[in-house]
Amino acid sequence: MKIYRELTLSEVIDRLRGLPADARVQGLDGILHSDRGWYDRSATEPNNLAGWGAQELADVLEKQIGKEIYGWKGGEYYVDAFKPIYVAEYGSTGPAIGGFEYDPVEDVWEPVGVEAW
């Protein structure tokens, strides 16, 4: 049995870079915004398209570190590489990313969600 924990943005980037060079990722749109439950933490919206190469997604996420994001009820925050990252639509909450699992039927890697305690 695999055990997952919340990963920070920098850990997610490292995991993506550790996937095979031709790996495709499904389930993340890659555009960071403030999470509704934790305004100072980043979230990316779910996406069912396998549109990202793992390395490409890692680059996109890394370029957003330090970007200003706005809390759901106001306030200015910054994308922090050392805080957990969540999968949630803007204005909603969702699970943290705990890793990636391979789906051989779809030939894609998908994020594993971890509920915050």
Protein backbone atom coordinates (compact mmCIF):
# COMPACT_ATOMS: atom_id res chain seq x y z
CA MET A 1 0.00 0.00 0.00
CA LYS A 2 1.28 3.44 -0.93
CA ILE A 3 0.99 6.24 1.59
CA TYR A 4 0.76 9.80 0.32
CA ARG A 5 1.20 13.13 2.08
CA GLU A 6 0.71 16.73 1.02
CA LEU A 7 3.50 17.84 -1.29
CA THR A 8 4.82 21.38 -1.49
CA LEU A 9 4.94 23.11 -4.85
CA SER A 10 8.70 22.54 -5.07
CA GLU A 11 8.19 18.82 -4.34
CA VAL A 12 5.52 18.59 -7.05
CA ILE A 13 7.92 20.22 -9.51
CA ASP A 14 10.65 17.75 -8.51
CA ARG A 15 8.26 14.79 -8.92
CA LEU A 16 7.25 16.01 -12.38
CA ARG A 17 10.90 16.35 -13.39
CA GLY A 18 11.46 12.78 -12.16
CA LEU A 19 8.86 11.31 -14.52
CA PRO A 20 9.95 9.83 -17.87
CA ALA A 21 10.95 12.46 -20.46
CA ASP A 22 7.93 11.68 -22.66
CA ALA A 23 5.40 11.49 -19.78
CA ARG A 24 2.03 13.21 -20.28
CA VAL A 25 0.13 14.63 -17.30
CA GLN A 26 -3.65 14.78 -17.04
CA GLY A 27 -5.66 16.48 -14.33
CA LEU A 28 -3.99 19.87 -13.83
CA ASP A 29 -4.37 23.08 -15.79
CA GLY A 30 -1.08 24.49 -14.40
CA ILE A 31 -2.34 28.02 -13.75
CA LEU A 32 -1.96 28.89 -10.07
CA HIS A 33 -4.42 30.88 -8.00
CA SER A 34 -5.21 31.28 -4.30
CA ASP A 35 -6.88 28.27 -2.67
CA ARG A 36 -10.26 29.10 -1.12
CA GLY A 37 -9.50 27.25 2.13
CA TRP A 38 -5.93 28.51 2.54
CA TYR A 39 -5.58 31.89 0.84
CA ASP A 40 -1.80 31.89 1.24
CA ARG A 41 -1.51 28.55 -0.56
CA SER A 42 -1.72 27.90 -4.27
CA ALA A 43 -4.17 25.76 -6.21
CA THR A 44 -4.46 24.74 -9.84
CA GLU A 45 -7.74 23.85 -11.50
CA PRO A 46 -8.58 20.26 -12.44
CA ASN A 47 -8.37 19.46 -16.13
CA ASN A 48 -9.20 16.18 -17.85
CA LEU A 49 -7.01 16.84 -20.87
CA ALA A 50 -3.59 15.25 -21.18
CA GLY A 51 -2.24 18.47 -22.58
CA TRP A 52 0.96 18.84 -20.57
CA GLY A 53 4.26 17.09 -20.88
CA ALA A 54 5.59 16.52 -17.36
CA GLN A 55 8.70 18.62 -17.96
CA GLU A 56 6.65 21.40 -19.57
CA LEU A 57 4.23 21.48 -16.62
CA ALA A 58 7.16 21.59 -14.18
CA ASP A 59 8.55 24.62 -16.05
CA VAL A 60 5.15 26.38 -16.06
CA LEU A 61 4.70 25.84 -12.31
CA GLU A 62 8.25 26.91 -11.50
CA LYS A 63 7.88 30.18 -13.43
CA GLN A 64 4.91 31.11 -11.23
CA ILE A 65 6.84 30.95 -7.94
CA GLY A 66 6.71 34.42 -6.40
CA LYS A 67 3.72 35.47 -8.54
CA GLU A 68 1.16 37.63 -6.74
CA ILE A 69 -2.19 35.94 -6.19
CA TYR A 70 -5.29 37.32 -4.50
CA GLY A 71 -7.18 35.68 -1.66
CA TRP A 72 -10.81 34.72 -2.17
CA LYS A 73 -12.01 37.47 0.20
CA GLY A 74 -9.13 39.81 -0.50
CA GLY A 75 -5.53 40.14 0.46
CA GLU A 76 -2.39 39.76 -1.58
CA TYR A 77 -0.34 36.60 -1.35
CA TYR A 78 2.53 35.10 -3.30
CA VAL A 79 3.02 31.65 -4.80
CA ASP A 80 5.27 29.92 -2.29
CA ALA A 81 7.41 26.96 -3.35
CA PHE A 82 7.44 25.58 0.20
CA LYS A 83 3.70 25.39 0.87
CA PRO A 84 1.32 22.61 -0.23
CA ILE A 85 -0.41 22.93 -3.59
CA TYR A 86 -4.06 21.96 -4.10
CA VAL A 87 -6.30 20.92 -6.99
CA ALA A 88 -9.37 23.13 -6.90
CA GLU A 89 -11.41 25.34 -9.15
CA TYR A 90 -11.12 29.06 -8.40
CA GLY A 91 -13.35 29.82 -5.42
CA SER A 92 -13.41 26.21 -4.23
CA THR A 93 -11.34 23.94 -2.06
CA GLY A 94 -9.89 20.61 -3.00
CA PRO A 95 -7.30 18.00 -2.09
CA ALA A 96 -3.57 18.64 -1.90
CA ILE A 97 -1.37 16.96 -4.47
CA GLY A 98 0.27 13.91 -2.93
CA GLY A 99 2.08 12.52 -5.96
CA PHE A 100 1.38 11.09 -9.40
CA GLU A 101 0.21 7.67 -10.53
CA TYR A 102 0.42 6.18 -13.98
CA ASP A 103 -2.76 5.19 -15.83
CA PRO A 104 -1.65 2.62 -18.45
CA VAL A 105 -5.04 2.61 -20.19
CA GLU A 106 -4.89 6.36 -20.91
CA ASP A 107 -1.05 6.44 -21.01
CA VAL A 108 -0.98 9.47 -18.69
CA TRP A 109 0.17 10.38 -15.20
CA GLU A 110 -2.54 11.75 -12.89
CA PRO A 111 -2.23 13.62 -9.60
CA VAL A 112 -3.13 11.80 -6.41
CA GLY A 113 -5.27 13.92 -4.11
CA VAL A 114 -4.63 13.99 -0.36
CA GLU A 115 -7.25 15.44 1.95
CA ALA A 116 -5.85 17.88 4.53
CA TRP A 117 -6.29 16.76 8.12
